[in-house]
Amino acid sequence: MPMQAKLVRTVPELEGTLPLSRTARGPHLSLKDGTLTAWDQDLQPLRRSPTGLPPEAKLLDARPDLSALAAAIDGGLCIVADTLRPDPAVIAVAADSATFITPNRLIVTAPGAPAGGRSFSEFHRVLLMDLEGLVLDERRVEADAAWAHALVHPTEPAVLCDFIMGQDGNVLTVIRAEGDALTVREVFPAEAFVNRGFSPDGTRVLLPPYPSDPGRAVVATWPQLDIAARLEVADDLPEVQMGIDVWGGFLDDHHVLLLATEQGPIVAASDLREAALVPLVGFDAVSDSEGFIELAAPLAPDRFAAVVWHHGTRQTTVWRLERV
């Protein structure tokens, strides 16, 4: 059935960014000037908590109950083990991701030191840490000048982590903690997918295309990572002009959100059938015809957040999906 998206509100406080969300069900979080904010499905603030972190701290992850968090600051990693009594532990690791896989364990990634005569890192460290910053195990991923994007599984002590190397592609890995030991496995080495969202039940994962090959998105099973469904732009969405962007996720167990590059949101069934561009009702209130949605992520089964680019400026917006 055809759908449309109606503008719900703009969120000036988020300043053209998306909140951090472990899953579409939340919590949706931001960290600004050392204050942690939890947002509801309309990106209205639910609660604010001081963290004791300096203004420049960047939120990396938090426990689902917000009782602990990890943030990056000034080349180091800050861990707040108890947000009710903030006393950050600072670890000298230049983390680009930190993910709670259990209440007391984090998987942390950080670029390794450049080799002699090189200006960039040729590998990433993958660390298993406790909340005091003690390294319990370590592995290595070969990736040049990369930055990491980690996607935590809803129920298992595992992350699907993408090491992104710009024009040189990416290395997609499954990282698991078994007790206090790590395993790291590269997946889809011959493909060009990015990690974007697990289904709420944790049985599938949405993999949009890497920008170098934007013509196809897939849904894979978990943990087997067999491709269960494919969306081919040329065959299924010929009206999409520039291909599929890297943003999106599961709206619920039965529907996914994707983004057509510089064009608009796509909603499809979880098997990627019935995919269609979604008209935006109220877009003229936030942009003219030259603007477009640059980033998008689910907030609820019928909500998504989007960053609208307009003449070099960005603003965060909320949209409600409805059938027409």
C-alpha atoms as a PDB file:
ATOM      1  CA  MET A   1       0.000   0.000   0.000  1.00  0.00           C
ATOM      2  CA  PRO A   2       1.421   3.453  -0.886  1.00  0.00           C
ATOM      3  CA  MET A   3       2.864   5.530   1.940  1.00  0.00           C
ATOM      4  CA  GLN A   4       3.784   9.131   2.566  1.00  0.00           C
ATOM      5  CA  ALA A   5       5.838  10.882   5.234  1.00  0.00           C
ATOM      6  CA  LYS A   6       4.559  13.973   7.028  1.00  0.00           C
ATOM      7  CA  LEU A   7       6.823  16.463   8.750  1.00  0.00           C
ATOM      8  CA  VAL A   8       6.328  16.270  12.526  1.00  0.00           C
ATOM      9  CA  ARG A   9       8.862  18.807  13.767  1.00  0.00           C
ATOM     10  CA  THR A  10      12.337  20.221  13.450  1.00  0.00           C
ATOM     11  CA  VAL A  11      14.855  19.747  16.267  1.00  0.00           C
ATOM     12  CA  PRO A  12      17.199  22.760  16.378  1.00  0.00           C
ATOM     13  CA  GLU A  13      18.991  21.457  19.479  1.00  0.00           C
ATOM     14  CA  LEU A  14      20.470  18.518  17.540  1.00  0.00           C
ATOM     15  CA  GLU A  15      22.108  20.957  15.109  1.00  0.00           C
ATOM     16  CA  GLY A  16      21.802  18.876  11.972  1.00  0.00           C
ATOM     17  CA  THR A  17      22.877  15.548  13.478  1.00  0.00           C
ATOM     18  CA  LEU A  18      21.109  12.280  14.287  1.00  0.00           C
ATOM     19  CA  PRO A  19      20.917  10.973  17.861  1.00  0.00           C
ATOM     20  CA  LEU A  20      22.787   7.814  18.753  1.00  0.00           C
ATOM     21  CA  SER A  21      20.415   4.831  18.686  1.00  0.00           C
ATOM     22  CA  ARG A  22      21.377   1.240  19.444  1.00  0.00           C
ATOM     23  CA  THR A  23      18.107   0.090  17.808  1.00  0.00           C
ATOM     24  CA  ALA A  24      15.019   1.752  16.337  1.00  0.00           C
ATOM     25  CA  ARG A  25      13.302   1.115  19.673  1.00  0.00           C
ATOM     26  CA  GLY A  26      15.819   3.367  21.385  1.00  0.00           C
ATOM     27  CA  PRO A  27      17.027   4.801  23.524  1.00  0.00           C
ATOM     28  CA  HIS A  28      17.837   7.791  21.304  1.00  0.00           C
ATOM     29  CA  LEU A  29      20.704   9.713  22.873  1.00  0.00           C
ATOM     30  CA  SER A  30      22.902  12.760  22.429  1.00  0.00           C
ATOM     31  CA  LEU A  31      25.754  14.261  24.440  1.00  0.00           C
ATOM     32  CA  LYS A  32      26.206  18.026  24.366  1.00  0.00           C
ATOM     33  CA  ASP A  33      28.327  20.136  26.707  1.00  0.00           C
ATOM     34  CA  GLY A  34      28.716  17.124  28.981  1.00  0.00           C
ATOM     35  CA  THR A  35      24.974  16.529  29.375  1.00  0.00           C
ATOM     36  CA  LEU A  36      23.396  13.263  28.215  1.00  0.00           C
ATOM     37  CA  THR A  37      19.921  13.698  26.710  1.00  0.00           C
ATOM     38  CA  ALA A  38      17.448  10.898  26.037  1.00  0.00           C
ATOM     39  CA  TRP A  39      14.858  11.593  23.332  1.00  0.00           C
ATOM     40  CA  ASP A  40      11.452  10.052  22.600  1.00  0.00           C
ATOM     41  CA  GLN A  41      10.200   8.865  19.188  1.00  0.00           C
ATOM     42  CA  ASP A  42       9.398  12.468  18.186  1.00  0.00           C
ATOM     43  CA  LEU A  43      12.831  13.646  19.387  1.00  0.00           C
ATOM     44  CA  GLN A  44      11.321  15.474  22.315  1.00  0.00           C
ATOM     45  CA  PRO A  45      13.685  15.375  25.319  1.00  0.00           C
ATOM     46  CA  LEU A  46      12.703  12.771  27.915  1.00  0.00           C
ATOM     47  CA  ARG A  47      15.446  13.404  30.463  1.00  0.00           C
ATOM     48  CA  ARG A  48      18.826  15.025  30.851  1.00  0.00           C
ATOM     49  CA  SER A  49      21.716  13.835  32.994  1.00  0.00           C
ATOM     50  CA  PRO A  50      25.071  15.512  33.709  1.00  0.00           C
ATOM     51  CA  THR A  51      27.960  13.134  33.032  1.00  0.00           C
ATOM     52  CA  GLY A  52      30.997  14.924  34.383  1.00  0.00           C
ATOM     53  CA  LEU A  53      32.535  14.869  30.891  1.00  0.00           C
ATOM     54  CA  PRO A  54      33.991  17.986  29.242  1.00  0.00           C
ATOM     55  CA  PRO A  55      32.048  19.805  26.486  1.00  0.00           C
ATOM     56  CA  GLU A  56      34.084  18.290  23.648  1.00  0.00           C
ATOM     57  CA  ALA A  57      33.304  14.665  24.610  1.00  0.00           C
ATOM     58  CA  LYS A  58      31.689  12.628  21.818  1.00  0.00           C
ATOM     59  CA  LEU A  59      29.199   9.921  22.795  1.00  0.00           C
ATOM     60  CA  LEU A  60      30.127   6.429  21.549  1.00  0.00           C
ATOM     61  CA  ASP A  61      27.586   4.220  23.364  1.00  0.00           C
ATOM     62  CA  ALA A  62      25.534   3.828  26.528  1.00  0.00           C
ATOM     63  CA  ARG A  63      23.826   0.987  28.323  1.00  0.00           C
ATOM     64  CA  PRO A  64      20.170   0.646  27.297  1.00  0.00           C
ATOM     65  CA  ASP A  65      19.142   1.817  30.800  1.00  0.00           C
ATOM     66  CA  LEU A  66      21.579   4.796  30.545  1.00  0.00           C
ATOM     67  CA  SER A  67      23.370   3.717  33.726  1.00  0.00           C
ATOM     68  CA  ALA A  68      26.801   3.805  32.032  1.00  0.00           C
ATOM     69  CA  LEU A  69      28.327   5.343  28.923  1.00  0.00           C
ATOM     70  CA  ALA A  70      31.487   5.580  26.852  1.00  0.00           C
ATOM     71  CA  ALA A  71      32.741   8.668  25.042  1.00  0.00           C
ATOM     72  CA  ALA A  72      35.757   9.801  23.032  1.00  0.00           C
ATOM     73  CA  ILE A  73      37.740  12.876  24.033  1.00  0.00           C
ATOM     74  CA  ASP A  74      41.080  14.403  23.047  1.00  0.00           C
ATOM     75  CA  GLY A  75      42.631  11.179  21.780  1.00  0.00           C
ATOM     76  CA  GLY A  76      41.343   9.089  24.675  1.00  0.00           C
ATOM     77  CA  LEU A  77      38.407   6.994  25.832  1.00  0.00           C
ATOM     78  CA  CYS A  78      36.223   8.016  28.788  1.00  0.00           C
ATOM     79  CA  ILE A  79      34.109   5.399  30.547  1.00  0.00           C
ATOM     80  CA  VAL A  80      31.431   6.459  33.030  1.00  0.00           C
ATOM     81  CA  ALA A  81      30.568   3.277  34.917  1.00  0.00           C
ATOM     82  CA  ASP A  82      27.747   4.896  36.917  1.00  0.00           C
ATOM     83  CA  THR A  83      25.941   7.920  35.487  1.00  0.00           C
ATOM     84  CA  LEU A  84      24.302   8.605  38.860  1.00  0.00           C
ATOM     85  CA  ARG A  85      27.764   9.133  40.369  1.00  0.00           C
ATOM     86  CA  PRO A  86      29.866  10.330  37.426  1.00  0.00           C
ATOM     87  CA  ASP A  87      33.562   9.616  37.930  1.00  0.00           C
ATOM     88  CA  PRO A  88      34.983   9.047  34.439  1.00  0.00           C
ATOM     89  CA  ALA A  89      37.823   6.628  33.869  1.00  0.00           C
ATOM     90  CA  VAL A  90      40.112   7.954  31.124  1.00  0.00           C
ATOM     91  CA  ILE A  91      42.030   5.421  29.021  1.00  0.00           C
ATOM     92  CA  ALA A  92      44.797   6.410  26.600  1.00  0.00           C
ATOM     93  CA  VAL A  93      43.162   4.745  23.590  1.00  0.00           C
ATOM     94  CA  ALA A  94      42.073   6.898  20.625  1.00  0.00           C
ATOM     95  CA  ALA A  95      38.799   5.006  20.243  1.00  0.00           C
ATOM     96  CA  ASP A  96      36.590   5.544  17.204  1.00  0.00           C
ATOM     97  CA  SER A  97      33.946   3.135  18.532  1.00  0.00           C
ATOM     98  CA  ALA A  98      33.061   1.628  21.885  1.00  0.00           C
ATOM     99  CA  THR A  99      30.092  -0.707  22.263  1.00  0.00           C
ATOM    100  CA  PHE A 100      28.477  -2.246  25.345  1.00  0.00           C
ATOM    101  CA  ILE A 101      28.037  -5.944  24.602  1.00  0.00           C
ATOM    102  CA  THR A 102      27.176  -6.835  28.204  1.00  0.00           C
ATOM    103  CA  PRO A 103      26.560  -4.499  31.153  1.00  0.00           C
ATOM    104  CA  ASN A 104      30.245  -4.710  32.133  1.00  0.00           C
ATOM    105  CA  ARG A 105      32.085  -5.299  28.875  1.00  0.00           C
ATOM    106  CA  LEU A 106      32.920  -3.040  25.941  1.00  0.00           C
ATOM    107  CA  ILE A 107      34.244  -3.804  22.484  1.00  0.00           C
ATOM    108  CA  VAL A 108      36.492  -0.889  21.554  1.00  0.00           C
ATOM    109  CA  THR A 109      38.143  -0.117  18.212  1.00  0.00           C
ATOM    110  CA  ALA A 110      41.026   2.266  17.616  1.00  0.00           C
ATOM    111  CA  PRO A 111      43.470   2.958  14.774  1.00  0.00           C
ATOM    112  CA  GLY A 112      46.881   1.406  15.293  1.00  0.00           C
ATOM    113  CA  ALA A 113      50.082   3.439  15.242  1.00  0.00           C
ATOM    114  CA  PRO A 114      51.332   4.282  11.730  1.00  0.00           C
ATOM    115  CA  ALA A 115      54.350   2.345  10.512  1.00  0.00           C
ATOM    116  CA  GLY A 116      57.629   4.172  10.099  1.00  0.00           C
ATOM    117  CA  GLY A 117      57.445   6.672   7.246  1.00  0.00           C
ATOM    118  CA  ARG A 118      53.639   6.406   7.000  1.00  0.00           C
ATOM    119  CA  SER A 119      51.179   9.162   7.907  1.00  0.00           C
ATOM    120  CA  PHE A 120      48.202   6.846   8.385  1.00  0.00           C
ATOM    121  CA  SER A 121      47.327   3.693  10.282  1.00  0.00           C
ATOM    122  CA  GLU A 122      47.431   0.416   8.359  1.00  0.00           C
ATOM    123  CA  PHE A 123      45.394  -1.553  10.906  1.00  0.00           C
ATOM    124  CA  HIS A 124      42.798  -1.243  13.650  1.00  0.00           C
ATOM    125  CA  ARG A 125      43.014  -2.572  17.178  1.00  0.00           C
ATOM    126  CA  VAL A 126      39.939  -4.404  18.486  1.00  0.00           C
ATOM    127  CA  LEU A 127      39.877  -4.477  22.301  1.00  0.00           C
ATOM    128  CA  LEU A 128      37.679  -6.156  24.880  1.00  0.00           C
ATOM    129  CA  MET A 129      37.566  -3.940  27.996  1.00  0.00           C
ATOM    130  CA  ASP A 130      35.925  -3.881  31.383  1.00  0.00           C
ATOM    131  CA  LEU A 131      34.499  -0.644  32.753  1.00  0.00           C
ATOM    132  CA  GLU A 132      37.778   0.274  34.424  1.00  0.00           C
ATOM    133  CA  GLY A 133      39.502   0.246  31.048  1.00  0.00           C
ATOM    134  CA  LEU A 134      41.406  -2.998  31.628  1.00  0.00           C
ATOM    135  CA  VAL A 135      42.112  -4.721  28.294  1.00  0.00           C
ATOM    136  CA  LEU A 136      41.006  -8.347  28.557  1.00  0.00           C
ATOM    137  CA  ASP A 137      41.772  -9.390  24.979  1.00  0.00           C
ATOM    138  CA  GLU A 138      42.921  -7.810  21.717  1.00  0.00           C
ATOM    139  CA  ARG A 139      42.735  -8.593  18.008  1.00  0.00           C
ATOM    140  CA  ARG A 140      43.816  -6.756  14.845  1.00  0.00           C
ATOM    141  CA  VAL A 141      42.013  -5.887  11.591  1.00  0.00           C
ATOM    142  CA  GLU A 142      44.028  -4.918   8.516  1.00  0.00           C
ATOM    143  CA  ALA A 143      42.480  -1.701   7.140  1.00  0.00           C
ATOM    144  CA  ASP A 144      44.252   1.399   5.827  1.00  0.00           C
ATOM    145  CA  ALA A 145      43.322   4.872   7.137  1.00  0.00           C
ATOM    146  CA  ALA A 146      39.977   3.501   8.327  1.00  0.00           C
ATOM    147  CA  TRP A 147      37.340   4.561  10.805  1.00  0.00           C
ATOM    148  CA  ALA A 148      34.985   2.115  12.463  1.00  0.00           C
ATOM    149  CA  HIS A 149      31.183   1.935  12.610  1.00  0.00           C
ATOM    150  CA  ALA A 150      29.962  -0.710  15.069  1.00  0.00           C
ATOM    151  CA  LEU A 151      26.437  -2.136  15.093  1.00  0.00           C
ATOM    152  CA  VAL A 152      25.566  -4.071  18.244  1.00  0.00           C
ATOM    153  CA  HIS A 153      23.352  -7.149  18.118  1.00  0.00           C
ATOM    154  CA  PRO A 154      20.097  -6.771  20.114  1.00  0.00           C
ATOM    155  CA  THR A 155      20.661  -9.830  22.337  1.00  0.00           C
ATOM    156  CA  GLU A 156      24.087 -11.396  21.670  1.00  0.00           C
ATOM    157  CA  PRO A 157      27.563 -10.234  22.820  1.00  0.00           C
ATOM    158  CA  ALA A 158      28.507  -9.411  19.242  1.00  0.00           C
ATOM    159  CA  VAL A 159      28.881  -6.475  16.884  1.00  0.00           C
ATOM    160  CA  LEU A 160      28.892  -6.159  13.132  1.00  0.00           C
ATOM    161  CA  CYS A 161      31.705  -3.663  12.622  1.00  0.00           C
ATOM    162  CA  ASP A 162      32.526  -1.850   9.394  1.00  0.00           C
ATOM    163  CA  PHE A 163      36.056  -0.488   8.915  1.00  0.00           C
ATOM    164  CA  ILE A 164      35.603   2.216   6.292  1.00  0.00           C
ATOM    165  CA  MET A 165      38.561   3.225   4.111  1.00  0.00           C
ATOM    166  CA  GLY A 166      37.019   5.890   1.875  1.00  0.00           C
ATOM    167  CA  GLN A 167      37.759   5.321  -1.795  1.00  0.00           C
ATOM    168  CA  ASP A 168      39.630   2.129  -0.891  1.00  0.00           C
ATOM    169  CA  GLY A 169      36.402   0.411   0.206  1.00  0.00           C
ATOM    170  CA  ASN A 170      35.671  -1.219   3.553  1.00  0.00           C
ATOM    171  CA  VAL A 171      36.256  -4.311   5.670  1.00  0.00           C
ATOM    172  CA  LEU A 172      33.077  -5.716   7.229  1.00  0.00           C
ATOM    173  CA  THR A 173      33.598  -7.937  10.284  1.00  0.00           C
ATOM    174  CA  VAL A 174      31.730  -9.873  12.945  1.00  0.00           C
ATOM    175  CA  ILE A 175      33.306  -9.377  16.382  1.00  0.00           C
ATOM    176  CA  ARG A 176      32.222 -11.666  19.213  1.00  0.00           C
ATOM    177  CA  ALA A 177      33.102 -11.935  22.876  1.00  0.00           C
ATOM    178  CA  GLU A 178      33.084 -15.450  24.260  1.00  0.00           C
ATOM    179  CA  GLY A 179      33.714 -14.977  27.947  1.00  0.00           C
ATOM    180  CA  ASP A 180      36.720 -12.663  28.038  1.00  0.00           C
ATOM    181  CA  ALA A 181      38.057 -13.722  24.620  1.00  0.00           C
ATOM    182  CA  LEU A 182      37.482 -12.030  21.263  1.00  0.00           C
ATOM    183  CA  THR A 183      36.957 -13.533  17.836  1.00  0.00           C
ATOM    184  CA  VAL A 184      37.030 -11.419  14.667  1.00  0.00           C
ATOM    185  CA  ARG A 185      35.823 -12.686  11.296  1.00  0.00           C
ATOM    186  CA  GLU A 186      35.653 -10.808   7.998  1.00  0.00           C
ATOM    187  CA  VAL A 187      32.364 -11.252   6.127  1.00  0.00           C
ATOM    188  CA  PHE A 188      31.293 -10.501   2.552  1.00  0.00           C
ATOM    189  CA  PRO A 189      34.895  -9.857   1.428  1.00  0.00           C
ATOM    190  CA  ALA A 190      33.884  -9.879  -2.251  1.00  0.00           C
ATOM    191  CA  GLU A 191      30.884  -7.579  -1.752  1.00  0.00           C
ATOM    192  CA  ALA A 192      30.426  -3.872  -1.029  1.00  0.00           C
ATOM    193  CA  PHE A 193      27.934  -3.615   1.836  1.00  0.00           C
ATOM    194  CA  VAL A 194      27.758  -1.452   4.958  1.00  0.00           C
ATOM    195  CA  ASN A 195      26.174  -2.361   8.305  1.00  0.00           C
ATOM    196  CA  ARG A 196      23.050  -0.374   9.063  1.00  0.00           C
ATOM    197  CA  GLY A 197      20.520  -2.139  11.281  1.00  0.00           C
ATOM    198  CA  PHE A 198      19.474  -5.396  12.918  1.00  0.00           C
ATOM    199  CA  SER A 199      15.826  -6.367  12.963  1.00  0.00           C
ATOM    200  CA  PRO A 200      14.320  -5.953  16.459  1.00  0.00           C
ATOM    201  CA  ASP A 201      14.242  -9.731  16.915  1.00  0.00           C
ATOM    202  CA  GLY A 202      17.922  -9.980  15.917  1.00  0.00           C
ATOM    203  CA  THR A 203      17.414 -12.563  13.167  1.00  0.00           C
ATOM    204  CA  ARG A 204      18.265 -10.332  10.174  1.00  0.00           C
ATOM    205  CA  VAL A 205      20.500  -7.409   9.297  1.00  0.00           C
ATOM    206  CA  LEU A 206      20.049  -4.679   6.697  1.00  0.00           C
ATOM    207  CA  LEU A 207      23.083  -4.078   4.487  1.00  0.00           C
ATOM    208  CA  PRO A 208      22.887  -1.047   2.181  1.00  0.00           C
ATOM    209  CA  PRO A 209      25.537  -0.663  -0.510  1.00  0.00           C
ATOM    210  CA  TYR A 210      28.940   0.945  -0.110  1.00  0.00           C
ATOM    211  CA  PRO A 211      28.969   4.227  -2.097  1.00  0.00           C
ATOM    212  CA  SER A 212      31.257   2.771  -4.751  1.00  0.00           C
ATOM    213  CA  ASP A 213      28.475   0.398  -5.895  1.00  0.00           C
ATOM    214  CA  PRO A 214      25.104   1.962  -4.928  1.00  0.00           C
ATOM    215  CA  GLY A 215      22.821  -0.231  -7.016  1.00  0.00           C
ATOM    216  CA  ARG A 216      21.877  -2.971  -4.553  1.00  0.00           C
ATOM    217  CA  ALA A 217      20.843  -3.449  -0.919  1.00  0.00           C
ATOM    218  CA  VAL A 218      20.365  -6.792   0.827  1.00  0.00           C
ATOM    219  CA  VAL A 219      18.944  -8.325   3.972  1.00  0.00           C
ATOM    220  CA  ALA A 220      21.034 -11.140   5.454  1.00  0.00           C
ATOM    221  CA  THR A 221      20.195 -13.743   8.088  1.00  0.00           C
ATOM    222  CA  TRP A 222      21.902 -13.731  11.479  1.00  0.00           C
ATOM    223  CA  PRO A 223      24.150 -15.348  12.522  1.00  0.00           C
ATOM    224  CA  GLN A 224      24.624 -17.259   9.254  1.00  0.00           C
ATOM    225  CA  LEU A 225      24.881 -14.070   7.162  1.00  0.00           C
ATOM    226  CA  ASP A 226      23.256 -15.699   4.180  1.00  0.00           C
ATOM    227  CA  ILE A 227      21.633 -13.220   1.795  1.00  0.00           C
ATOM    228  CA  ALA A 228      17.878 -13.660   2.235  1.00  0.00           C
ATOM    229  CA  ALA A 229      16.591 -10.758   0.110  1.00  0.00           C
ATOM    230  CA  ARG A 230      17.915  -8.361  -2.516  1.00  0.00           C
ATOM    231  CA  LEU A 231      16.814  -4.978  -3.804  1.00  0.00           C
ATOM    232  CA  GLU A 232      18.192  -4.129  -7.239  1.00  0.00           C
ATOM    233  CA  VAL A 233      17.717  -0.466  -8.112  1.00  0.00           C
ATOM    234  CA  ALA A 234      17.775  -1.034 -11.867  1.00  0.00           C
ATOM    235  CA  ASP A 235      14.999  -3.642 -11.683  1.00  0.00           C
ATOM    236  CA  ASP A 236      12.973  -2.690  -8.604  1.00  0.00           C
ATOM    237  CA  LEU A 237      13.320   1.096  -8.330  1.00  0.00           C
ATOM    238  CA  PRO A 238      14.192   2.533 -11.754  1.00  0.00           C
ATOM    239  CA  GLU A 239      12.977   5.958 -10.570  1.00  0.00           C
ATOM    240  CA  VAL A 240      15.918   6.125  -8.145  1.00  0.00           C
ATOM    241  CA  GLN A 241      18.443   8.223 -10.008  1.00  0.00           C
ATOM    242  CA  MET A 242      21.725   8.005  -8.034  1.00  0.00           C
ATOM    243  CA  GLY A 243      21.329   4.718  -6.211  1.00  0.00           C
ATOM    244  CA  ILE A 244      20.900   3.810  -2.550  1.00  0.00           C
ATOM    245  CA  ASP A 245      22.744   5.691   0.192  1.00  0.00           C
ATOM    246  CA  VAL A 246      24.325   4.140   3.297  1.00  0.00           C
ATOM    247  CA  TRP A 247      21.549   5.201   5.718  1.00  0.00           C
ATOM    248  CA  GLY A 248      18.473   3.394   6.992  1.00  0.00           C
ATOM    249  CA  GLY A 249      17.478   0.504   9.229  1.00  0.00           C
ATOM    250  CA  PHE A 250      14.608  -1.716  10.334  1.00  0.00           C
ATOM    251  CA  LEU A 251      11.450   0.201  11.252  1.00  0.00           C
ATOM    252  CA  ASP A 252      10.074  -2.972  12.841  1.00  0.00           C
ATOM    253  CA  ASP A 253      10.369  -6.710  12.191  1.00  0.00           C
ATOM    254  CA  HIS A 254       8.407  -6.350   8.957  1.00  0.00           C
ATOM    255  CA  HIS A 255       9.592  -3.097   7.313  1.00  0.00           C
ATOM    256  CA  VAL A 256      12.863  -1.355   6.497  1.00  0.00           C
ATOM    257  CA  LEU A 257      13.856   2.214   5.749  1.00  0.00           C
ATOM    258  CA  LEU A 258      16.448   3.027   3.074  1.00  0.00           C
ATOM    259  CA  LEU A 259      17.514   6.310   1.507  1.00  0.00           C
ATOM    260  CA  ALA A 260      17.760   7.138  -2.190  1.00  0.00           C
ATOM    261  CA  THR A 261      20.827   9.351  -2.569  1.00  0.00           C
ATOM    262  CA  GLU A 262      19.857  13.041  -2.719  1.00  0.00           C
ATOM    263  CA  GLN A 263      16.284  11.990  -3.460  1.00  0.00           C
ATOM    264  CA  GLY A 264      14.292  10.710  -0.503  1.00  0.00           C
ATOM    265  CA  PRO A 265      13.326   7.828   1.795  1.00  0.00           C
ATOM    266  CA  ILE A 266      12.446   4.338   0.588  1.00  0.00           C
ATOM    267  CA  VAL A 267      10.192   1.997   2.573  1.00  0.00           C
ATOM    268  CA  ALA A 268      10.099  -1.729   1.796  1.00  0.00           C
ATOM    269  CA  ALA A 269       8.921  -4.949   3.390  1.00  0.00           C
ATOM    270  CA  SER A 270      11.605  -6.776   5.358  1.00  0.00           C
ATOM    271  CA  ASP A 271      12.097  -9.113   2.384  1.00  0.00           C
ATOM    272  CA  LEU A 272      12.760  -5.941   0.312  1.00  0.00           C
ATOM    273  CA  ARG A 273       9.594  -6.412  -1.740  1.00  0.00           C
ATOM    274  CA  GLU A 274       7.133  -3.588  -2.379  1.00  0.00           C
ATOM    275  CA  ALA A 275       9.953  -1.025  -2.188  1.00  0.00           C
ATOM    276  CA  ALA A 276       8.856   2.508  -3.051  1.00  0.00           C
ATOM    277  CA  LEU A 277      10.019   6.089  -2.733  1.00  0.00           C
ATOM    278  CA  VAL A 278       7.987   7.891  -0.084  1.00  0.00           C
ATOM    279  CA  PRO A 279       6.663  11.402  -0.851  1.00  0.00           C
ATOM    280  CA  LEU A 280       7.497  14.029   1.773  1.00  0.00           C
ATOM    281  CA  VAL A 281       4.529  16.130   2.875  1.00  0.00           C
ATOM    282  CA  GLY A 282       5.737  19.415   4.353  1.00  0.00           C
ATOM    283  CA  PHE A 283       9.235  19.361   2.872  1.00  0.00           C
ATOM    284  CA  ASP A 284       8.747  22.895   1.553  1.00  0.00           C
ATOM    285  CA  ALA A 285       8.631  24.078   5.181  1.00  0.00           C
ATOM    286  CA  VAL A 286      12.257  23.061   5.723  1.00  0.00           C
ATOM    287  CA  SER A 287      13.827  23.403   2.268  1.00  0.00           C
ATOM    288  CA  ASP A 288      13.322  24.418  -1.333  1.00  0.00           C
ATOM    289  CA  SER A 289      13.614  22.169  -4.377  1.00  0.00           C
ATOM    290  CA  GLU A 290      17.423  22.142  -4.174  1.00  0.00           C
ATOM    291  CA  GLY A 291      17.464  20.616  -0.699  1.00  0.00           C
ATOM    292  CA  PHE A 292      17.393  16.900   0.090  1.00  0.00           C
ATOM    293  CA  ILE A 293      17.541  14.386   2.924  1.00  0.00           C
ATOM    294  CA  GLU A 294      21.197  13.653   3.595  1.00  0.00           C
ATOM    295  CA  LEU A 295      20.862  11.198   6.524  1.00  0.00           C
ATOM    296  CA  ALA A 296      17.948   9.117   7.792  1.00  0.00           C
ATOM    297  CA  ALA A 297      17.360   6.608  10.596  1.00  0.00           C
ATOM    298  CA  PRO A 298      14.297   4.883  12.115  1.00  0.00           C
ATOM    299  CA  LEU A 299      12.889   6.158  15.405  1.00  0.00           C
ATOM    300  CA  ALA A 300       9.814   3.889  15.700  1.00  0.00           C
ATOM    301  CA  PRO A 301       7.699   1.691  13.387  1.00  0.00           C
ATOM    302  CA  ASP A 302       6.053   4.826  11.961  1.00  0.00           C
ATOM    303  CA  ARG A 303       8.755   7.469  12.591  1.00  0.00           C
ATOM    304  CA  PHE A 304      12.153   8.354  11.221  1.00  0.00           C
ATOM    305  CA  ALA A 305      14.668  11.116  11.804  1.00  0.00           C
ATOM    306  CA  ALA A 306      16.244  12.886   8.857  1.00  0.00           C
ATOM    307  CA  VAL A 307      18.920  15.507   8.386  1.00  0.00           C
ATOM    308  CA  VAL A 308      17.866  17.921   5.658  1.00  0.00           C
ATOM    309  CA  TRP A 309      20.645  19.584   3.655  1.00  0.00           C
ATOM    310  CA  HIS A 310      19.678  23.033   2.395  1.00  0.00           C
ATOM    311  CA  HIS A 311      22.162  25.391   0.724  1.00  0.00           C
ATOM    312  CA  GLY A 312      25.064  24.235   2.877  1.00  0.00           C
ATOM    313  CA  THR A 313      23.137  24.111   6.159  1.00  0.00           C
ATOM    314  CA  ARG A 314      21.727  21.068   7.945  1.00  0.00           C
ATOM    315  CA  GLN A 315      18.778  20.651  10.265  1.00  0.00           C
ATOM    316  CA  THR A 316      17.394  17.638  12.097  1.00  0.00           C
ATOM    317  CA  THR A 317      13.770  16.759  11.381  1.00  0.00           C
ATOM    318  CA  VAL A 318      11.214  14.102  12.389  1.00  0.00           C
ATOM    319  CA  TRP A 319       8.756  12.480   9.961  1.00  0.00           C
ATOM    320  CA  ARG A 320       5.710  10.260  10.486  1.00  0.00           C
ATOM    321  CA  LEU A 321       4.927   7.496   8.012  1.00  0.00           C
ATOM    322  CA  GLU A 322       1.297   6.910   7.075  1.00  0.00           C
ATOM    323  CA  ARG A 323      -0.568   4.935   4.453  1.00  0.00           C
ATOM    324  CA  VAL A 324      -2.442   6.785   1.721  1.00  0.00           C
END
